[in-house]
Amino acid sequence: MKAETINPFITATINVFETMTGVTPQKGDIYVKQDDKMTYDISGVIGIAGKMQGFIVLSFPEALVLEVVSGFLGEKKTRLSKDVIDAVGEFVNMIAGSSKRTFAEQGMKYNIGIPSVITGKNHIINRPSNVVCIGVKFFVGEQHFVIEVALKSKED
């Protein structure tokens, strides 16, 4: 995966959060993911198939996801409920959809799957060993969340 491939996902993440939650996340470090373990409590995952194949993960610590989803839904959330889980799935879906438009303009068309949401401390999201996964940390105040993108061009 080329480093510039992550840029549409960064832009989409910032735009989705600003539009849907009124929160402007600040981009932090970009890193290469070395393992399959997630360090947060809840992750939305969506698959990609077509000229590019792989998946996108959006992962939050519980306190931050409750804060962000409360703003999105307009009501205070105090625990991981069905509403919170659905909102995380919708966030990753919107990020993937926005990125899809950007890539389509560059001739890299792909389809996105139905999002899945995984909860629990130290959960695992397996990826093929031959696919590089690039992550980006985003800050909301002192808290942070990540997007991780594992994509491979069909031509690679």
N, C-alpha and C. Protein backbone atom coordinates (compact mmCIF):
# COMPACT_ATOMS: atom_id res chain seq x y z
N MET A 1 0.85 -1.18 0.00
CA MET A 1 0.00 0.00 0.00
C MET A 1 0.89 1.23 0.00
N LYS A 2 0.60 2.15 -0.88
CA LYS A 2 1.36 3.39 -0.95
C LYS A 2 0.89 4.35 0.14
N ALA A 3 1.80 5.13 0.67
CA ALA A 3 1.48 6.04 1.77
C ALA A 3 0.38 7.03 1.39
N GLU A 4 0.40 7.51 0.13
CA GLU A 4 -0.61 8.50 -0.26
C GLU A 4 -2.02 7.90 -0.34
N THR A 5 -2.12 6.59 -0.31
CA THR A 5 -3.43 5.94 -0.32
C THR A 5 -4.21 6.28 0.94
N ILE A 6 -3.55 6.61 2.02
CA ILE A 6 -4.23 6.90 3.28
C ILE A 6 -4.90 8.27 3.28
N ASN A 7 -4.44 9.19 2.44
CA ASN A 7 -4.95 10.58 2.47
C ASN A 7 -6.46 10.70 2.29
N PRO A 8 -7.09 10.00 1.35
CA PRO A 8 -8.55 10.11 1.25
C PRO A 8 -9.28 9.66 2.52
N PHE A 9 -8.70 8.71 3.24
CA PHE A 9 -9.32 8.23 4.47
C PHE A 9 -9.16 9.25 5.60
N ILE A 10 -8.03 9.95 5.61
CA ILE A 10 -7.82 11.01 6.59
C ILE A 10 -8.83 12.12 6.37
N THR A 11 -8.93 12.57 5.13
CA THR A 11 -9.87 13.64 4.79
C THR A 11 -11.30 13.22 5.10
N ALA A 12 -11.67 12.00 4.73
CA ALA A 12 -13.03 11.52 4.98
C ALA A 12 -13.33 11.44 6.47
N THR A 13 -12.37 10.99 7.25
CA THR A 13 -12.58 10.87 8.70
C THR A 13 -12.85 12.24 9.31
N ILE A 14 -12.03 13.21 8.97
CA ILE A 14 -12.23 14.56 9.50
C ILE A 14 -13.58 15.12 9.06
N ASN A 15 -13.91 14.97 7.78
CA ASN A 15 -15.18 15.50 7.27
C ASN A 15 -16.39 14.83 7.91
N VAL A 16 -16.36 13.52 8.04
CA VAL A 16 -17.49 12.80 8.65
C VAL A 16 -17.69 13.25 10.09
N PHE A 17 -16.61 13.35 10.85
CA PHE A 17 -16.76 13.74 12.25
C PHE A 17 -17.23 15.19 12.39
N GLU A 18 -16.69 16.09 11.58
CA GLU A 18 -17.14 17.48 11.64
C GLU A 18 -18.61 17.59 11.29
N THR A 19 -19.02 16.92 10.22
CA THR A 19 -20.40 17.02 9.74
C THR A 19 -21.39 16.33 10.67
N MET A 20 -21.06 15.12 11.12
CA MET A 20 -22.03 14.31 11.85
C MET A 20 -22.02 14.51 13.36
N THR A 21 -20.88 14.96 13.92
CA THR A 21 -20.80 15.08 15.38
C THR A 21 -20.48 16.48 15.86
N GLY A 22 -20.06 17.36 14.94
CA GLY A 22 -19.64 18.69 15.35
C GLY A 22 -18.26 18.72 15.99
N VAL A 23 -17.57 17.58 15.98
CA VAL A 23 -16.23 17.45 16.55
C VAL A 23 -15.21 17.49 15.42
N THR A 24 -14.15 18.26 15.59
CA THR A 24 -13.07 18.28 14.60
C THR A 24 -11.87 17.53 15.15
N PRO A 25 -11.70 16.28 14.71
CA PRO A 25 -10.54 15.52 15.19
C PRO A 25 -9.26 16.08 14.59
N GLN A 26 -8.19 16.04 15.37
CA GLN A 26 -6.89 16.51 14.91
C GLN A 26 -6.03 15.30 14.56
N LYS A 27 -5.51 15.29 13.33
CA LYS A 27 -4.69 14.17 12.88
C LYS A 27 -3.40 14.11 13.68
N GLY A 28 -3.10 12.91 14.15
CA GLY A 28 -1.86 12.67 14.87
C GLY A 28 -0.91 11.85 14.00
N ASP A 29 -0.21 10.95 14.64
CA ASP A 29 0.79 10.13 13.96
C ASP A 29 0.18 9.15 12.96
N ILE A 30 0.95 8.89 11.90
CA ILE A 30 0.65 7.83 10.95
C ILE A 30 1.65 6.71 11.23
N TYR A 31 1.19 5.48 11.24
CA TYR A 31 2.05 4.35 11.59
C TYR A 31 1.72 3.13 10.74
N VAL A 32 2.65 2.21 10.71
CA VAL A 32 2.42 0.91 10.07
C VAL A 32 2.03 -0.05 11.18
N LYS A 33 0.87 -0.66 11.04
CA LYS A 33 0.36 -1.60 12.04
C LYS A 33 1.18 -2.88 11.98
N GLN A 34 1.65 -3.32 13.13
CA GLN A 34 2.52 -4.49 13.19
C GLN A 34 1.82 -5.77 13.61
N ASP A 35 0.66 -5.65 14.26
CA ASP A 35 -0.04 -6.86 14.72
C ASP A 35 -1.54 -6.72 14.47
N ASP A 36 -2.30 -7.71 14.89
CA ASP A 36 -3.74 -7.72 14.65
C ASP A 36 -4.55 -7.28 15.88
N LYS A 37 -3.89 -7.02 17.01
CA LYS A 37 -4.59 -6.68 18.24
C LYS A 37 -4.98 -5.20 18.22
N MET A 38 -6.22 -4.94 18.63
CA MET A 38 -6.71 -3.57 18.74
C MET A 38 -6.55 -3.13 20.19
N THR A 39 -6.15 -1.89 20.40
CA THR A 39 -5.91 -1.41 21.75
C THR A 39 -7.13 -0.71 22.34
N TYR A 40 -8.18 -0.59 21.57
CA TYR A 40 -9.37 0.12 22.04
C TYR A 40 -10.52 -0.85 22.31
N ASP A 41 -11.67 -0.30 22.68
CA ASP A 41 -12.79 -1.11 23.16
C ASP A 41 -13.84 -1.45 22.11
N ILE A 42 -13.91 -0.67 21.03
CA ILE A 42 -14.94 -0.90 20.02
C ILE A 42 -14.37 -0.52 18.66
N SER A 43 -14.60 -1.39 17.68
CA SER A 43 -14.07 -1.16 16.32
C SER A 43 -15.14 -1.45 15.29
N GLY A 44 -15.29 -0.52 14.34
CA GLY A 44 -16.11 -0.75 13.17
C GLY A 44 -15.20 -1.18 12.03
N VAL A 45 -15.60 -2.23 11.31
CA VAL A 45 -14.80 -2.78 10.22
C VAL A 45 -15.66 -2.86 8.98
N ILE A 46 -15.09 -2.48 7.84
CA ILE A 46 -15.82 -2.60 6.58
C ILE A 46 -14.85 -3.09 5.51
N GLY A 47 -15.31 -4.08 4.74
CA GLY A 47 -14.49 -4.67 3.70
C GLY A 47 -14.58 -3.90 2.40
N ILE A 48 -13.53 -4.02 1.60
CA ILE A 48 -13.43 -3.37 0.29
C ILE A 48 -13.06 -4.44 -0.73
N ALA A 49 -13.75 -4.42 -1.88
CA ALA A 49 -13.45 -5.37 -2.95
C ALA A 49 -13.57 -4.66 -4.29
N GLY A 50 -12.74 -5.04 -5.22
CA GLY A 50 -12.72 -4.43 -6.56
C GLY A 50 -11.28 -4.24 -6.98
N LYS A 51 -10.97 -3.08 -7.58
CA LYS A 51 -9.59 -2.81 -7.98
C LYS A 51 -8.67 -2.68 -6.77
N MET A 52 -9.26 -2.39 -5.62
CA MET A 52 -8.54 -2.40 -4.34
C MET A 52 -9.28 -3.38 -3.43
N GLN A 53 -8.52 -4.12 -2.64
CA GLN A 53 -9.11 -5.11 -1.74
C GLN A 53 -8.53 -4.95 -0.35
N GLY A 54 -9.35 -5.17 0.66
CA GLY A 54 -8.88 -5.09 2.03
C GLY A 54 -9.99 -4.64 2.95
N PHE A 55 -9.63 -3.81 3.95
CA PHE A 55 -10.63 -3.33 4.88
C PHE A 55 -10.19 -2.05 5.57
N ILE A 56 -11.16 -1.41 6.20
CA ILE A 56 -10.94 -0.20 6.99
C ILE A 56 -11.46 -0.49 8.39
N VAL A 57 -10.70 -0.07 9.39
CA VAL A 57 -11.11 -0.20 10.78
C VAL A 57 -11.15 1.19 11.41
N LEU A 58 -12.20 1.47 12.14
CA LEU A 58 -12.33 2.68 12.93
C LEU A 58 -12.47 2.22 14.37
N SER A 59 -11.53 2.59 15.25
CA SER A 59 -11.51 2.02 16.60
C SER A 59 -11.42 3.11 17.66
N PHE A 60 -12.22 2.94 18.73
CA PHE A 60 -12.34 3.93 19.80
C PHE A 60 -12.17 3.32 21.19
N PRO A 61 -11.67 4.11 22.14
CA PRO A 61 -11.83 3.74 23.54
C PRO A 61 -13.28 4.03 23.94
N GLU A 62 -13.77 3.32 24.93
CA GLU A 62 -15.18 3.45 25.31
C GLU A 62 -15.58 4.89 25.67
N ALA A 63 -14.79 5.57 26.48
CA ALA A 63 -15.16 6.93 26.92
C ALA A 63 -15.33 7.88 25.73
N LEU A 64 -14.44 7.80 24.77
CA LEU A 64 -14.53 8.69 23.62
C LEU A 64 -15.70 8.34 22.72
N VAL A 65 -15.93 7.08 22.46
CA VAL A 65 -17.05 6.72 21.59
C VAL A 65 -18.37 7.15 22.21
N LEU A 66 -18.50 7.05 23.53
CA LEU A 66 -19.74 7.50 24.18
C LEU A 66 -19.93 9.00 24.01
N GLU A 67 -18.84 9.75 24.11
CA GLU A 67 -18.90 11.21 23.93
C GLU A 67 -19.28 11.57 22.49
N VAL A 68 -18.62 10.95 21.54
CA VAL A 68 -18.85 11.27 20.13
C VAL A 68 -20.26 10.85 19.70
N VAL A 69 -20.68 9.67 20.08
CA VAL A 69 -22.01 9.19 19.69
C VAL A 69 -23.10 10.00 20.38
N SER A 70 -22.86 10.45 21.61
CA SER A 70 -23.84 11.31 22.27
C SER A 70 -24.09 12.58 21.45
N GLY A 71 -23.01 13.16 20.92
CA GLY A 71 -23.16 14.33 20.06
C GLY A 71 -23.86 14.00 18.75
N PHE A 72 -23.56 12.86 18.18
CA PHE A 72 -24.17 12.41 16.92
C PHE A 72 -25.66 12.18 17.10
N LEU A 73 -26.05 11.51 18.18
CA LEU A 73 -27.46 11.17 18.39
C LEU A 73 -28.26 12.25 19.11
N GLY A 74 -27.55 13.20 19.73
CA GLY A 74 -28.24 14.26 20.44
C GLY A 74 -28.81 13.81 21.78
N GLU A 75 -28.31 12.71 22.30
CA GLU A 75 -28.71 12.25 23.63
C GLU A 75 -27.52 11.57 24.31
N LYS A 76 -27.41 11.76 25.61
CA LYS A 76 -26.26 11.24 26.34
C LYS A 76 -26.26 9.72 26.37
N LYS A 77 -25.12 9.15 26.01
CA LYS A 77 -24.92 7.70 26.07
C LYS A 77 -23.90 7.41 27.16
N THR A 78 -24.21 6.47 28.03
CA THR A 78 -23.34 6.17 29.17
C THR A 78 -22.79 4.75 29.15
N ARG A 79 -23.19 3.96 28.15
CA ARG A 79 -22.67 2.59 28.03
C ARG A 79 -22.73 2.17 26.56
N LEU A 80 -21.99 1.12 26.24
CA LEU A 80 -22.00 0.60 24.87
C LEU A 80 -23.33 -0.12 24.64
N SER A 81 -24.22 0.55 23.95
CA SER A 81 -25.55 0.01 23.66
C SER A 81 -25.68 -0.25 22.16
N LYS A 82 -26.81 -0.78 21.77
CA LYS A 82 -27.07 -1.02 20.34
C LYS A 82 -26.95 0.28 19.54
N ASP A 83 -27.43 1.39 20.09
CA ASP A 83 -27.33 2.68 19.40
C ASP A 83 -25.87 3.07 19.16
N VAL A 84 -25.03 2.86 20.15
CA VAL A 84 -23.61 3.20 20.03
C VAL A 84 -22.95 2.30 18.99
N ILE A 85 -23.23 1.02 19.05
CA ILE A 85 -22.67 0.07 18.09
C ILE A 85 -23.11 0.41 16.67
N ASP A 86 -24.40 0.72 16.50
CA ASP A 86 -24.90 1.10 15.17
C ASP A 86 -24.23 2.37 14.66
N ALA A 87 -24.00 3.34 15.55
CA ALA A 87 -23.36 4.59 15.15
C ALA A 87 -21.93 4.36 14.69
N VAL A 88 -21.19 3.49 15.37
CA VAL A 88 -19.82 3.19 14.95
C VAL A 88 -19.83 2.55 13.56
N GLY A 89 -20.76 1.64 13.32
CA GLY A 89 -20.90 1.04 11.99
C GLY A 89 -21.22 2.09 10.94
N GLU A 90 -22.07 3.03 11.30
CA GLU A 90 -22.42 4.09 10.35
C GLU A 90 -21.23 5.02 10.08
N PHE A 91 -20.44 5.34 11.10
CA PHE A 91 -19.26 6.18 10.91
C PHE A 91 -18.29 5.54 9.92
N VAL A 92 -17.96 4.25 10.13
CA VAL A 92 -17.00 3.59 9.24
C VAL A 92 -17.59 3.46 7.83
N ASN A 93 -18.90 3.28 7.73
CA ASN A 93 -19.56 3.22 6.43
C ASN A 93 -19.44 4.56 5.69
N MET A 94 -19.66 5.66 6.40
CA MET A 94 -19.56 6.99 5.78
C MET A 94 -18.13 7.30 5.37
N ILE A 95 -17.16 6.91 6.18
CA ILE A 95 -15.75 7.14 5.82
C ILE A 95 -15.39 6.34 4.58
N ALA A 96 -15.79 5.09 4.53
CA ALA A 96 -15.52 4.25 3.36
C ALA A 96 -16.22 4.79 2.12
N GLY A 97 -17.46 5.23 2.26
CA GLY A 97 -18.20 5.77 1.13
C GLY A 97 -17.59 7.05 0.59
N SER A 98 -17.18 7.92 1.47
CA SER A 98 -16.54 9.17 1.04
C SER A 98 -15.22 8.88 0.33
N SER A 99 -14.44 7.99 0.88
CA SER A 99 -13.16 7.61 0.27
C SER A 99 -13.38 6.95 -1.09
N LYS A 100 -14.43 6.16 -1.19
CA LYS A 100 -14.74 5.46 -2.44
C LYS A 100 -14.92 6.46 -3.59
N ARG A 101 -15.59 7.57 -3.32
CA ARG A 101 -15.79 8.59 -4.36
C ARG A 101 -14.46 9.17 -4.82
N THR A 102 -13.56 9.44 -3.86
CA THR A 102 -12.25 9.99 -4.21
C THR A 102 -11.47 9.02 -5.09
N PHE A 103 -11.44 7.75 -4.71
CA PHE A 103 -10.70 6.75 -5.48
C PHE A 103 -11.33 6.52 -6.85
N ALA A 104 -12.66 6.57 -6.95
CA ALA A 104 -13.34 6.39 -8.24
C ALA A 104 -12.92 7.47 -9.22
N GLU A 105 -12.73 8.70 -8.74
CA GLU A 105 -12.27 9.79 -9.60
C GLU A 105 -10.87 9.52 -10.15
N GLN A 106 -10.10 8.65 -9.46
CA GLN A 106 -8.75 8.30 -9.89
C GLN A 106 -8.74 6.97 -10.67
N GLY A 107 -9.92 6.44 -10.97
CA GLY A 107 -10.02 5.19 -11.72
C GLY A 107 -9.88 3.94 -10.88
N MET A 108 -9.85 4.07 -9.57
CA MET A 108 -9.71 2.91 -8.67
C MET A 108 -11.07 2.60 -8.04
N LYS A 109 -11.96 2.00 -8.82
CA LYS A 109 -13.30 1.71 -8.34
C LYS A 109 -13.29 0.46 -7.46
N TYR A 110 -14.09 0.51 -6.41
CA TYR A 110 -14.26 -0.65 -5.55
C TYR A 110 -15.62 -0.60 -4.89
N ASN A 111 -16.02 -1.70 -4.33
CA ASN A 111 -17.28 -1.81 -3.59
C ASN A 111 -16.97 -1.93 -2.11
N ILE A 112 -17.89 -1.45 -1.30
CA ILE A 112 -17.74 -1.60 0.14
C ILE A 112 -18.80 -2.56 0.65
N GLY A 113 -18.44 -3.30 1.68
CA GLY A 113 -19.34 -4.28 2.26
C GLY A 113 -20.22 -3.66 3.34
N ILE A 114 -20.84 -4.52 4.08
CA ILE A 114 -21.67 -4.11 5.21
C ILE A 114 -20.76 -4.04 6.43
N PRO A 115 -20.84 -2.95 7.19
CA PRO A 115 -19.95 -2.83 8.34
C PRO A 115 -20.27 -3.84 9.44
N SER A 116 -19.24 -4.24 10.14
CA SER A 116 -19.36 -5.06 11.34
C SER A 116 -18.74 -4.28 12.48
N VAL A 117 -19.23 -4.51 13.68
CA VAL A 117 -18.68 -3.82 14.85
C VAL A 117 -18.29 -4.87 15.88
N ILE A 118 -17.06 -4.74 16.38
CA ILE A 118 -16.51 -5.67 17.36
C ILE A 118 -16.27 -4.90 18.65
N THR A 119 -16.66 -5.49 19.78
CA THR A 119 -16.44 -4.84 21.07
C THR A 119 -15.61 -5.75 21.97
N GLY A 120 -15.01 -5.15 22.96
CA GLY A 120 -14.23 -5.90 23.94
C GLY A 120 -12.79 -5.46 23.97
N LYS A 121 -12.21 -5.49 25.13
CA LYS A 121 -10.81 -5.09 25.29
C LYS A 121 -9.90 -6.07 24.55
N ASN A 122 -8.89 -5.52 23.88
CA ASN A 122 -7.87 -6.31 23.19
C ASN A 122 -8.43 -7.27 22.14
N HIS A 123 -9.51 -6.85 21.46
CA HIS A 123 -10.03 -7.72 20.41
C HIS A 123 -9.06 -7.78 19.24
N ILE A 124 -9.24 -8.77 18.40
CA ILE A 124 -8.33 -9.04 17.28
C ILE A 124 -9.08 -8.84 15.97
N ILE A 125 -8.43 -8.19 15.01
CA ILE A 125 -8.94 -8.08 13.65
C ILE A 125 -7.84 -8.60 12.74
N ASN A 126 -8.03 -9.81 12.25
CA ASN A 126 -7.01 -10.46 11.41
C ASN A 126 -6.96 -9.84 10.03
N ARG A 127 -5.76 -9.75 9.49
CA ARG A 127 -5.57 -9.30 8.12
C ARG A 127 -4.56 -10.23 7.47
N PRO A 128 -4.64 -10.35 6.15
CA PRO A 128 -3.64 -11.19 5.48
C PRO A 128 -2.23 -10.66 5.72
N SER A 129 -1.28 -11.55 5.87
CA SER A 129 0.09 -11.14 6.18
C SER A 129 0.75 -10.38 5.04
N ASN A 130 0.24 -10.52 3.81
CA ASN A 130 0.85 -9.83 2.67
C ASN A 130 0.22 -8.46 2.40
N VAL A 131 -0.61 -7.97 3.31
CA VAL A 131 -1.25 -6.67 3.14
C VAL A 131 -0.76 -5.72 4.24
N VAL A 132 -0.15 -4.62 3.83
CA VAL A 132 0.32 -3.62 4.79
C VAL A 132 -0.88 -2.86 5.34
N CYS A 133 -0.85 -2.61 6.62
CA CYS A 133 -1.92 -1.86 7.28
C CYS A 133 -1.33 -0.55 7.80
N ILE A 134 -1.91 0.56 7.33
CA ILE A 134 -1.48 1.90 7.76
C ILE A 134 -2.53 2.45 8.72
N GLY A 135 -2.08 2.97 9.84
CA GLY A 135 -2.98 3.55 10.82
C GLY A 135 -2.75 5.04 10.98
N VAL A 136 -3.79 5.72 11.42
CA VAL A 136 -3.71 7.15 11.71
C VAL A 136 -4.41 7.39 13.04
N LYS A 137 -3.72 8.06 13.94
CA LYS A 137 -4.30 8.42 15.23
C LYS A 137 -4.94 9.80 15.09
N PHE A 138 -6.13 9.96 15.64
CA PHE A 138 -6.84 11.24 15.65
C PHE A 138 -7.13 11.61 17.10
N PHE A 139 -6.91 12.88 17.42
CA PHE A 139 -7.15 13.37 18.77
C PHE A 139 -8.43 14.17 18.83
N VAL A 140 -9.18 13.96 19.90
CA VAL A 140 -10.34 14.77 20.27
C VAL A 140 -10.04 15.20 21.70
N GLY A 141 -9.54 16.41 21.83
CA GLY A 141 -9.04 16.84 23.14
C GLY A 141 -7.86 15.97 23.53
N GLU A 142 -7.91 15.40 24.72
CA GLU A 142 -6.83 14.54 25.21
C GLU A 142 -7.03 13.08 24.80
N GLN A 143 -8.23 12.75 24.31
CA GLN A 143 -8.53 11.38 23.93
C GLN A 143 -8.20 11.16 22.46
N HIS A 144 -8.11 9.90 22.06
CA HIS A 144 -7.82 9.63 20.66
C HIS A 144 -8.48 8.34 20.19
N PHE A 145 -8.65 8.27 18.87
CA PHE A 145 -9.15 7.08 18.19
C PHE A 145 -8.27 6.87 16.97
N VAL A 146 -8.45 5.75 16.28
CA VAL A 146 -7.64 5.47 15.10
C VAL A 146 -8.51 4.99 13.94
N ILE A 147 -7.99 5.23 12.73
CA ILE A 147 -8.45 4.48 11.57
C ILE A 147 -7.25 3.67 11.12
N GLU A 148 -7.52 2.46 10.68
CA GLU A 148 -6.48 1.60 10.14
C GLU A 148 -6.97 1.07 8.80
N VAL A 149 -6.13 1.21 7.79
CA VAL A 149 -6.51 0.86 6.44
C VAL A 149 -5.54 -0.20 5.92
N ALA A 150 -6.08 -1.35 5.56
CA ALA A 150 -5.28 -2.43 4.99
C ALA A 150 -5.83 -2.69 3.58
N LEU A 151 -5.14 -2.17 2.59
CA LEU A 151 -5.60 -2.28 1.21
C LEU A 151 -4.47 -2.79 0.31
N LYS A 152 -4.88 -3.52 -0.69
CA LYS A 152 -3.94 -4.00 -1.69
C LYS A 152 -4.60 -3.80 -3.06
N SER A 153 -3.87 -3.17 -3.96
CA SER A 153 -4.35 -3.02 -5.32
C SER A 153 -4.38 -4.39 -5.98
N LYS A 154 -5.40 -4.64 -6.79
CA LYS A 154 -5.50 -5.93 -7.46
C LYS A 154 -4.32 -6.17 -8.39
N GLU A 155 -3.67 -5.08 -8.83
CA GLU A 155 -2.52 -5.19 -9.72
C GLU A 155 -1.23 -5.55 -8.97
N ASP A 156 -1.23 -5.35 -7.61
CA ASP A 156 -0.02 -5.63 -6.82
C ASP A 156 0.28 -7.12 -6.76
